[in-house]
PDB file of N, CA and C in Angstrom:
ATOM      1  N   MET A   1      65.743  54.257  43.647  1.00  0.00           N
ATOM      2  CA  MET A   1      67.006  54.132  43.088  1.00  0.00           C
ATOM      3  C   MET A   1      67.917  55.161  43.293  1.00  0.00           C
ATOM      4  N   ASN A   2      69.054  54.968  43.764  1.00  0.00           N
ATOM      5  CA  ASN A   2      70.148  55.910  44.064  1.00  0.00           C
ATOM      6  C   ASN A   2      70.945  56.195  42.790  1.00  0.00           C
ATOM      7  N   TYR A   3      71.264  57.384  42.691  1.00  0.00           N
ATOM      8  CA  TYR A   3      72.111  57.930  41.476  1.00  0.00           C
ATOM      9  C   TYR A   3      73.699  58.012  41.871  1.00  0.00           C
ATOM     10  N   ASP A   4      74.507  57.914  40.991  1.00  0.00           N
ATOM     11  CA  ASP A   4      76.019  58.173  41.337  1.00  0.00           C
ATOM     12  C   ASP A   4      76.283  59.512  41.340  1.00  0.00           C
ATOM     13  N   LEU A   5      77.180  60.083  42.010  1.00  0.00           N
ATOM     14  CA  LEU A   5      77.447  61.514  42.286  1.00  0.00           C
ATOM     15  C   LEU A   5      78.805  61.858  41.838  1.00  0.00           C
ATOM     16  N   GLU A   6      78.980  62.871  41.010  1.00  0.00           N
ATOM     17  CA  GLU A   6      80.204  63.135  40.293  1.00  0.00           C
ATOM     18  C   GLU A   6      80.297  64.490  40.515  1.00  0.00           C
ATOM     19  N   VAL A   7      81.351  65.098  41.306  1.00  0.00           N
ATOM     20  CA  VAL A   7      81.731  66.469  41.695  1.00  0.00           C
ATOM     21  C   VAL A   7      82.707  66.986  40.913  1.00  0.00           C
ATOM     22  N   SER A   8      82.601  68.258  40.160  1.00  0.00           N
ATOM     23  CA  SER A   8      83.617  68.684  39.379  1.00  0.00           C
ATOM     24  C   SER A   8      84.972  69.062  40.168  1.00  0.00           C
ATOM     25  N   PRO A   9      86.236  69.108  39.699  1.00  0.00           N
ATOM     26  CA  PRO A   9      87.174  69.717  40.533  1.00  0.00           C
ATOM     27  C   PRO A   9      87.075  70.984  40.876  1.00  0.00           C
ATOM     28  N   SER A  10      86.376  72.020  40.306  1.00  0.00           N
ATOM     29  CA  SER A  10      86.352  73.256  40.782  1.00  0.00           C
ATOM     30  C   SER A  10      85.478  73.249  42.022  1.00  0.00           C
ATOM     31  N   VAL A  11      84.452  72.499  41.929  1.00  0.00           N
ATOM     32  CA  VAL A  11      83.460  72.478  43.129  1.00  0.00           C
ATOM     33  C   VAL A  11      84.262  71.904  44.325  1.00  0.00           C
ATOM     34  N   ILE A  12      85.179  71.022  44.315  1.00  0.00           N
ATOM     35  CA  ILE A  12      85.917  70.515  45.437  1.00  0.00           C
ATOM     36  C   ILE A  12      86.894  71.655  45.995  1.00  0.00           C
ATOM     37  N   LYS A  13      87.397  72.618  44.912  1.00  0.00           N
ATOM     38  CA  LYS A  13      88.384  73.758  45.366  1.00  0.00           C
ATOM     39  C   LYS A  13      87.441  74.675  46.082  1.00  0.00           C
ATOM     40  N   GLU A  14      86.213  74.891  45.545  1.00  0.00           N
ATOM     41  CA  GLU A  14      85.399  76.004  46.225  1.00  0.00           C
ATOM     42  C   GLU A  14      84.847  75.416  47.455  1.00  0.00           C
ATOM     43  N   VAL A  15      84.370  74.225  47.703  1.00  0.00           N
ATOM     44  CA  VAL A  15      83.955  73.798  49.137  1.00  0.00           C
ATOM     45  C   VAL A  15      85.023  73.844  49.936  1.00  0.00           C
ATOM     46  N   THR A  16      86.298  73.307  49.716  1.00  0.00           N
ATOM     47  CA  THR A  16      87.385  73.561  50.724  1.00  0.00           C
ATOM     48  C   THR A  16      87.713  75.279  50.972  1.00  0.00           C
ATOM     49  N   ARG A  17      87.522  76.043  50.164  1.00  0.00           N
ATOM     50  CA  ARG A  17      87.576  77.535  50.208  1.00  0.00           C
ATOM     51  C   ARG A  17      86.652  77.814  51.409  1.00  0.00           C
ATOM     52  N   ILE A  18      85.274  77.458  50.880  1.00  0.00           N
ATOM     53  CA  ILE A  18      84.206  77.664  51.928  1.00  0.00           C
ATOM     54  C   ILE A  18      84.329  77.253  53.246  1.00  0.00           C
ATOM     55  N   TYR A  19      84.872  75.926  53.476  1.00  0.00           N
ATOM     56  CA  TYR A  19      85.019  75.230  54.592  1.00  0.00           C
ATOM     57  C   TYR A  19      86.016  76.263  55.494  1.00  0.00           C
ATOM     58  N   PHE A  20      87.065  76.495  55.000  1.00  0.00           N
ATOM     59  CA  PHE A  20      88.133  77.402  55.523  1.00  0.00           C
ATOM     60  C   PHE A  20      87.532  78.845  55.994  1.00  0.00           C
ATOM     61  N   ASP A  21      86.826  79.364  55.014  1.00  0.00           N
ATOM     62  CA  ASP A  21      86.043  80.717  55.349  1.00  0.00           C
ATOM     63  C   ASP A  21      85.233  80.677  56.593  1.00  0.00           C
ATOM     64  N   CYS A  22      84.422  79.656  56.507  1.00  0.00           N
ATOM     65  CA  CYS A  22      83.490  79.485  57.733  1.00  0.00           C
ATOM     66  C   CYS A  22      84.168  79.180  59.007  1.00  0.00           C
ATOM     67  N   GLU A  23      85.199  78.338  59.036  1.00  0.00           N
ATOM     68  CA  GLU A  23      85.892  78.124  60.227  1.00  0.00           C
ATOM     69  C   GLU A  23      86.612  79.275  60.518  1.00  0.00           C
ATOM     70  N   GLY A  24      87.085  80.208  59.936  1.00  0.00           N
ATOM     71  CA  GLY A  24      87.615  81.604  60.150  1.00  0.00           C
ATOM     72  C   GLY A  24      86.701  82.284  60.942  1.00  0.00           C
ATOM     73  N   ILE A  25      85.534  82.350  60.440  1.00  0.00           N
ATOM     74  CA  ILE A  25      84.620  83.041  61.143  1.00  0.00           C
ATOM     75  C   ILE A  25      84.043  82.621  62.579  1.00  0.00           C
ATOM     76  N   ARG A  26      83.906  81.288  62.700  1.00  0.00           N
ATOM     77  CA  ARG A  26      83.489  80.661  63.840  1.00  0.00           C
ATOM     78  C   ARG A  26      84.005  79.166  63.918  1.00  0.00           C
ATOM     79  N   SER A  27      84.596  78.829  64.898  1.00  0.00           N
ATOM     80  CA  SER A  27      84.937  77.300  65.015  1.00  0.00           C
ATOM     81  C   SER A  27      83.872  76.557  65.014  1.00  0.00           C
ATOM     82  N   GLY A  28      83.789  75.575  64.088  1.00  0.00           N
ATOM     83  CA  GLY A  28      82.606  74.390  64.027  1.00  0.00           C
ATOM     84  C   GLY A  28      81.800  74.861  62.889  1.00  0.00           C
ATOM     85  N   SER A  29      81.802  76.037  62.380  1.00  0.00           N
ATOM     86  CA  SER A  29      80.778  76.283  61.392  1.00  0.00           C
ATOM     87  C   SER A  29      81.277  75.622  59.933  1.00  0.00           C
ATOM     88  N   GLY A  30      82.479  75.331  59.833  1.00  0.00           N
ATOM     89  CA  GLY A  30      82.939  74.718  58.583  1.00  0.00           C
ATOM     90  C   GLY A  30      82.515  73.336  58.544  1.00  0.00           C
ATOM     91  N   MET A  31      82.490  72.597  59.542  1.00  0.00           N
ATOM     92  CA  MET A  31      81.986  71.263  59.729  1.00  0.00           C
ATOM     93  C   MET A  31      80.545  71.055  59.466  1.00  0.00           C
ATOM     94  N   ARG A  32      79.839  72.330  60.048  1.00  0.00           N
ATOM     95  CA  ARG A  32      78.399  72.053  59.835  1.00  0.00           C
ATOM     96  C   ARG A  32      78.010  72.461  58.354  1.00  0.00           C
ATOM     97  N   PHE A  33      78.848  73.235  57.806  1.00  0.00           N
ATOM     98  CA  PHE A  33      78.645  73.353  56.312  1.00  0.00           C
ATOM     99  C   PHE A  33      79.012  72.019  55.517  1.00  0.00           C
ATOM    100  N   LEU A  34      80.090  71.150  55.876  1.00  0.00           N
ATOM    101  CA  LEU A  34      80.166  69.974  55.370  1.00  0.00           C
ATOM    102  C   LEU A  34      79.158  68.880  55.471  1.00  0.00           C
ATOM    103  N   LYS A  35      78.721  69.038  56.742  1.00  0.00           N
ATOM    104  CA  LYS A  35      77.426  68.036  57.069  1.00  0.00           C
ATOM    105  C   LYS A  35      76.339  68.244  56.114  1.00  0.00           C
ATOM    106  N   GLU A  36      76.038  69.653  56.211  1.00  0.00           N
ATOM    107  CA  GLU A  36      74.719  70.128  55.256  1.00  0.00           C
ATOM    108  C   GLU A  36      74.886  69.696  53.882  1.00  0.00           C
ATOM    109  N   LEU A  37      76.098  69.776  53.338  1.00  0.00           N
ATOM    110  CA  LEU A  37      76.482  69.725  52.017  1.00  0.00           C
ATOM    111  C   LEU A  37      76.381  68.094  51.783  1.00  0.00           C
ATOM    112  N   ASP A  38      76.889  67.361  52.557  1.00  0.00           N
ATOM    113  CA  ASP A  38      76.724  65.781  52.601  1.00  0.00           C
ATOM    114  C   ASP A  38      75.168  65.357  52.381  1.00  0.00           C
ATOM    115  N   ALA A  39      74.567  65.887  53.266  1.00  0.00           N
ATOM    116  CA  ALA A  39      73.128  65.560  53.405  1.00  0.00           C
ATOM    117  C   ALA A  39      72.436  65.917  52.311  1.00  0.00           C
ATOM    118  N   CYS A  40      72.844  67.173  51.494  1.00  0.00           N
ATOM    119  CA  CYS A  40      72.287  67.596  50.433  1.00  0.00           C
ATOM    120  C   CYS A  40      72.607  66.699  49.137  1.00  0.00           C
ATOM    121  N   TYR A  41      73.906  66.242  49.191  1.00  0.00           N
ATOM    122  CA  TYR A  41      74.333  65.342  48.202  1.00  0.00           C
ATOM    123  C   TYR A  41      73.474  64.131  48.033  1.00  0.00           C
ATOM    124  N   LYS A  42      73.208  63.427  49.336  1.00  0.00           N
ATOM    125  CA  LYS A  42      72.651  62.289  49.537  1.00  0.00           C
ATOM    126  C   LYS A  42      71.048  62.400  49.248  1.00  0.00           C
ATOM    127  N   SER A  43      70.591  63.515  49.285  1.00  0.00           N
ATOM    128  CA  SER A  43      69.206  63.795  48.999  1.00  0.00           C
ATOM    129  C   SER A  43      69.156  63.993  47.558  1.00  0.00           C
ATOM    130  N   ILE A  44      69.972  64.818  46.869  1.00  0.00           N
ATOM    131  CA  ILE A  44      70.134  64.729  45.324  1.00  0.00           C
ATOM    132  C   ILE A  44      70.140  63.341  44.924  1.00  0.00           C
ATOM    133  N   CYS A  45      70.940  62.411  45.233  1.00  0.00           N
ATOM    134  CA  CYS A  45      71.456  61.156  44.691  1.00  0.00           C
ATOM    135  C   CYS A  45      69.953  60.266  44.767  1.00  0.00           C
ATOM    136  N   ALA A  46      69.237  60.582  46.083  1.00  0.00           N
ATOM    137  CA  ALA A  46      68.027  59.833  46.148  1.00  0.00           C
ATOM    138  C   ALA A  46      66.840  60.163  45.347  1.00  0.00           C
ATOM    139  N   ASN A  47      66.708  61.578  45.126  1.00  0.00           N
ATOM    140  CA  ASN A  47      65.764  61.986  44.203  1.00  0.00           C
ATOM    141  C   ASN A  47      66.150  63.237  43.401  1.00  0.00           C
ATOM    142  N   PRO A  48      67.016  63.090  42.347  1.00  0.00           N
ATOM    143  CA  PRO A  48      67.518  64.137  41.715  1.00  0.00           C
ATOM    144  C   PRO A  48      66.384  65.114  40.873  1.00  0.00           C
ATOM    145  N   PHE A  49      65.372  64.338  40.478  1.00  0.00           N
ATOM    146  CA  PHE A  49      64.248  65.052  39.876  1.00  0.00           C
ATOM    147  C   PHE A  49      63.325  65.877  40.600  1.00  0.00           C
ATOM    148  N   GLY A  50      63.684  65.828  41.952  1.00  0.00           N
ATOM    149  CA  GLY A  50      62.653  66.628  42.868  1.00  0.00           C
ATOM    150  C   GLY A  50      63.224  68.017  43.091  1.00  0.00           C
ATOM    151  N   CYS A  51      63.995  68.636  42.371  1.00  0.00           N
ATOM    152  CA  CYS A  51      64.538  69.957  42.616  1.00  0.00           C
ATOM    153  C   CYS A  51      64.246  70.725  41.312  1.00  0.00           C
ATOM    154  N   GLN A  52      64.212  71.871  41.315  1.00  0.00           N
ATOM    155  CA  GLN A  52      63.649  72.793  40.326  1.00  0.00           C
ATOM    156  C   GLN A  52      64.847  73.086  39.265  1.00  0.00           C
ATOM    157  N   VAL A  53      64.411  73.115  38.012  1.00  0.00           N
ATOM    158  CA  VAL A  53      65.157  73.328  36.858  1.00  0.00           C
ATOM    159  C   VAL A  53      65.192  75.054  36.770  1.00  0.00           C
ATOM    160  N   ARG A  54      66.350  75.411  36.905  1.00  0.00           N
ATOM    161  CA  ARG A  54      66.542  76.980  37.048  1.00  0.00           C
ATOM    162  C   ARG A  54      67.010  77.606  35.673  1.00  0.00           C
ATOM    163  N   LYS A  55      67.991  77.009  35.090  1.00  0.00           N
ATOM    164  CA  LYS A  55      68.510  77.458  33.803  1.00  0.00           C
ATOM    165  C   LYS A  55      68.654  76.211  33.010  1.00  0.00           C
ATOM    166  N   SER A  56      67.864  75.652  32.122  1.00  0.00           N
ATOM    167  CA  SER A  56      67.881  74.420  31.519  1.00  0.00           C
ATOM    168  C   SER A  56      69.383  74.213  31.038  1.00  0.00           C
ATOM    169  N   PRO A  57      69.923  72.824  31.235  1.00  0.00           N
ATOM    170  CA  PRO A  57      69.149  71.717  31.859  1.00  0.00           C
ATOM    171  C   PRO A  57      69.748  71.750  33.262  1.00  0.00           C
ATOM    172  N   TYR A  58      70.120  72.798  33.920  1.00  0.00           N
ATOM    173  CA  TYR A  58      70.780  72.759  35.235  1.00  0.00           C
ATOM    174  C   TYR A  58      69.528  72.818  36.349  1.00  0.00           C
ATOM    175  N   ARG A  59      69.752  72.027  37.496  1.00  0.00           N
ATOM    176  CA  ARG A  59      68.862  72.028  38.599  1.00  0.00           C
ATOM    177  C   ARG A  59      69.766  72.641  39.695  1.00  0.00           C
ATOM    178  N   TYR A  60      68.913  73.187  40.659  1.00  0.00           N
ATOM    179  CA  TYR A  60      69.649  73.639  42.001  1.00  0.00           C
ATOM    180  C   TYR A  60      68.669  73.261  43.228  1.00  0.00           C
ATOM    181  N   VAL A  61      69.485  73.176  44.152  1.00  0.00           N
ATOM    182  CA  VAL A  61      68.846  72.904  45.645  1.00  0.00           C
ATOM    183  C   VAL A  61      69.768  73.822  46.568  1.00  0.00           C
ATOM    184  N   PHE A  62      68.958  74.296  47.624  1.00  0.00           N
ATOM    185  CA  PHE A  62      69.611  74.971  48.674  1.00  0.00           C
ATOM    186  C   PHE A  62      70.059  74.076  49.844  1.00  0.00           C
ATOM    187  N   LEU A  63      71.108  74.570  50.406  1.00  0.00           N
ATOM    188  CA  LEU A  63      71.506  73.826  51.669  1.00  0.00           C
ATOM    189  C   LEU A  63      70.607  74.170  52.829  1.00  0.00           C
ATOM    190  N   TYR A  64      70.275  73.154  53.429  1.00  0.00           N
ATOM    191  CA  TYR A  64      69.254  73.403  54.712  1.00  0.00           C
ATOM    192  C   TYR A  64      69.780  74.402  55.625  1.00  0.00           C
ATOM    193  N   LYS A  65      69.126  75.622  55.845  1.00  0.00           N
ATOM    194  CA  LYS A  65      69.364  76.590  56.648  1.00  0.00           C
ATOM    195  C   LYS A  65      70.727  77.377  56.467  1.00  0.00           C
ATOM    196  N   LEU A  66      71.344  77.263  55.351  1.00  0.00           N
ATOM    197  CA  LEU A  66      72.485  77.909  54.842  1.00  0.00           C
ATOM    198  C   LEU A  66      72.256  78.630  53.536  1.00  0.00           C
ATOM    199  N   LYS A  67      73.127  79.726  53.286  1.00  0.00           N
ATOM    200  CA  LYS A  67      72.739  80.455  52.077  1.00  0.00           C
ATOM    201  C   LYS A  67      73.715  80.096  50.962  1.00  0.00           C
ATOM    202  N   TYR A  68      73.735  78.712  50.761  1.00  0.00           N
ATOM    203  CA  TYR A  68      74.436  78.242  49.753  1.00  0.00           C
ATOM    204  C   TYR A  68      73.526  77.429  48.804  1.00  0.00           C
ATOM    205  N   ARG A  69      73.914  77.390  47.389  1.00  0.00           N
ATOM    206  CA  ARG A  69      73.086  76.616  46.532  1.00  0.00           C
ATOM    207  C   ARG A  69      74.039  75.729  45.777  1.00  0.00           C
ATOM    208  N   VAL A  70      73.480  74.418  45.431  1.00  0.00           N
ATOM    209  CA  VAL A  70      74.213  73.514  44.547  1.00  0.00           C
ATOM    210  C   VAL A  70      73.658  73.403  43.299  1.00  0.00           C
ATOM    211  N   VAL A  71      74.419  73.590  42.011  1.00  0.00           N
ATOM    212  CA  VAL A  71      73.853  73.439  40.758  1.00  0.00           C
ATOM    213  C   VAL A  71      74.328  72.128  40.316  1.00  0.00           C
ATOM    214  N   TYR A  72      73.454  71.460  39.564  1.00  0.00           N
ATOM    215  CA  TYR A  72      73.711  70.012  39.233  1.00  0.00           C
ATOM    216  C   TYR A  72      72.974  69.762  37.899  1.00  0.00           C
ATOM    217  N   ASP A  73      73.310  68.650  37.164  1.00  0.00           N
ATOM    218  CA  ASP A  73      72.485  68.281  35.963  1.00  0.00           C
ATOM    219  C   ASP A  73      72.693  66.521  36.379  1.00  0.00           C
ATOM    220  N   ILE A  74      71.547  65.989  35.549  1.00  0.00           N
ATOM    221  CA  ILE A  74      71.531  64.550  35.446  1.00  0.00           C
ATOM    222  C   ILE A  74      72.002  64.040  34.051  1.00  0.00           C
ATOM    223  N   LYS A  75      72.894  63.132  34.008  1.00  0.00           N
ATOM    224  CA  LYS A  75      73.338  62.432  32.945  1.00  0.00           C
ATOM    225  C   LYS A  75      73.124  61.027  33.117  1.00  0.00           C
ATOM    226  N   GLY A  76      72.051  60.425  32.518  1.00  0.00           N
ATOM    227  CA  GLY A  76      71.896  58.857  32.823  1.00  0.00           C
ATOM    228  C   GLY A  76      71.665  58.498  34.261  1.00  0.00           C
ATOM    229  N   GLN A  77      72.622  57.695  34.824  1.00  0.00           N
ATOM    230  CA  GLN A  77      72.358  57.499  36.205  1.00  0.00           C
ATOM    231  C   GLN A  77      73.418  58.205  37.277  1.00  0.00           C
ATOM    232  N   THR A  78      73.881  59.211  36.559  1.00  0.00           N
ATOM    233  CA  THR A  78      74.721  60.151  37.484  1.00  0.00           C
ATOM    234  C   THR A  78      74.429  61.742  37.505  1.00  0.00           C
ATOM    235  N   VAL A  79      74.644  62.015  38.625  1.00  0.00           N
ATOM    236  CA  VAL A  79      74.369  63.590  39.209  1.00  0.00           C
ATOM    237  C   VAL A  79      75.608  64.207  39.022  1.00  0.00           C
ATOM    238  N   LEU A  80      75.812  65.290  37.927  1.00  0.00           N
ATOM    239  CA  LEU A  80      77.049  65.926  38.060  1.00  0.00           C
ATOM    240  C   LEU A  80      76.866  67.338  38.728  1.00  0.00           C
ATOM    241  N   VAL A  81      77.638  67.671  39.777  1.00  0.00           N
ATOM    242  CA  VAL A  81      77.485  68.756  40.500  1.00  0.00           C
ATOM    243  C   VAL A  81      78.622  69.757  39.863  1.00  0.00           C
ATOM    244  N   PHE A  82      78.158  70.839  39.317  1.00  0.00           N
ATOM    245  CA  PHE A  82      78.962  71.957  38.583  1.00  0.00           C
ATOM    246  C   PHE A  82      79.209  73.138  39.641  1.00  0.00           C
ATOM    247  N   GLN A  83      78.390  73.319  40.715  1.00  0.00           N
ATOM    248  CA  GLN A  83      78.674  74.588  41.395  1.00  0.00           C
ATOM    249  C   GLN A  83      78.155  74.388  42.786  1.00  0.00           C
ATOM    250  N   VAL A  84      78.840  75.107  43.776  1.00  0.00           N
ATOM    251  CA  VAL A  84      78.371  75.374  45.013  1.00  0.00           C
ATOM    252  C   VAL A  84      78.683  76.689  45.313  1.00  0.00           C
ATOM    253  N   ARG A  85      77.603  77.510  45.528  1.00  0.00           N
ATOM    254  CA  ARG A  85      77.794  79.004  45.642  1.00  0.00           C
ATOM    255  C   ARG A  85      77.062  79.816  46.707  1.00  0.00           C
ATOM    256  N   HIS A  86      77.593  80.695  47.334  1.00  0.00           N
ATOM    257  CA  HIS A  86      76.886  81.521  48.208  1.00  0.00           C
ATOM    258  C   HIS A  86      75.841  82.551  47.530  1.00  0.00           C
ATOM    259  N   THR A  87      74.461  82.404  47.933  1.00  0.00           N
ATOM    260  CA  THR A  87      73.418  83.154  47.149  1.00  0.00           C
ATOM    261  C   THR A  87      73.642  84.528  47.108  1.00  0.00           C
ATOM    262  N   SER A  88      74.361  85.092  47.863  1.00  0.00           N
ATOM    263  CA  SER A  88      74.688  86.576  47.775  1.00  0.00           C
ATOM    264  C   SER A  88      75.527  86.927  46.656  1.00  0.00           C
ATOM    265  N   ARG A  89      76.353  85.918  46.224  1.00  0.00           N
ATOM    266  CA  ARG A  89      77.341  86.306  45.181  1.00  0.00           C
ATOM    267  C   ARG A  89      76.649  86.588  43.607  1.00  0.00           C
ATOM    268  N   LYS A  90      77.448  87.473  43.049  1.00  0.00           N
ATOM    269  CA  LYS A  90      77.200  87.789  41.579  1.00  0.00           C
ATOM    270  C   LYS A  90      76.542  86.310  40.997  1.00  0.00           C
ATOM    271  N   PRO A  91      75.394  86.391  40.325  1.00  0.00           N
ATOM    272  CA  PRO A  91      74.920  85.421  39.477  1.00  0.00           C
ATOM    273  C   PRO A  91      75.788  84.840  38.403  1.00  0.00           C
ATOM    274  N   SER A  92      75.777  83.609  38.173  1.00  0.00           N
ATOM    275  CA  SER A  92      76.756  83.061  37.200  1.00  0.00           C
ATOM    276  C   SER A  92      75.900  83.169  35.792  1.00  0.00           C
ATOM    277  N   LYS A  93      76.555  83.452  34.706  1.00  0.00           N
ATOM    278  CA  LYS A  93      75.817  83.501  33.464  1.00  0.00           C
ATOM    279  C   LYS A  93      75.325  82.095  32.836  1.00  0.00           C
ATOM    280  N   LYS A  94      76.313  81.144  33.280  1.00  0.00           N
ATOM    281  CA  LYS A  94      76.073  79.927  32.667  1.00  0.00           C
ATOM    282  C   LYS A  94      74.985  79.078  33.499  1.00  0.00           C
ATOM    283  N   PHE A  95      75.009  79.448  34.734  1.00  0.00           N
ATOM    284  CA  PHE A  95      74.158  78.474  35.725  1.00  0.00           C
ATOM    285  C   PHE A  95      72.860  79.340  35.993  1.00  0.00           C
ATOM    286  N   GLY A  96      72.826  80.642  35.839  1.00  0.00           N
ATOM    287  CA  GLY A  96      71.641  81.264  36.348  1.00  0.00           C
ATOM    288  C   GLY A  96      71.942  81.843  37.766  1.00  0.00           C
ATOM    289  N   PRO A  97      70.847  82.720  38.164  1.00  0.00           N
ATOM    290  CA  PRO A  97      70.971  83.206  39.559  1.00  0.00           C
ATOM    291  C   PRO A  97      70.670  82.454  40.560  1.00  0.00           C
TER     292      PRO A  97
END
């Protein structure tokens, strides 16, 4: 069973910023980030309970071969994405390290 995906507006802004930052470093790396994020979203929707609970009730998963983490929660049949962050950034008090 596939779950619906809901991404918060703050995550959309953060993903846009990350994309342009990556593209500024090396052409094509922003698209690589977006492709990995899309694959991560699909994986979460296919099996949302397969990822670790870091700081209850939030779960997290790392992007494949990238140093970014997606923080989400499950409400009914919906996966709510709250954060996409680089793992070297200062930990969030709300979502955990």
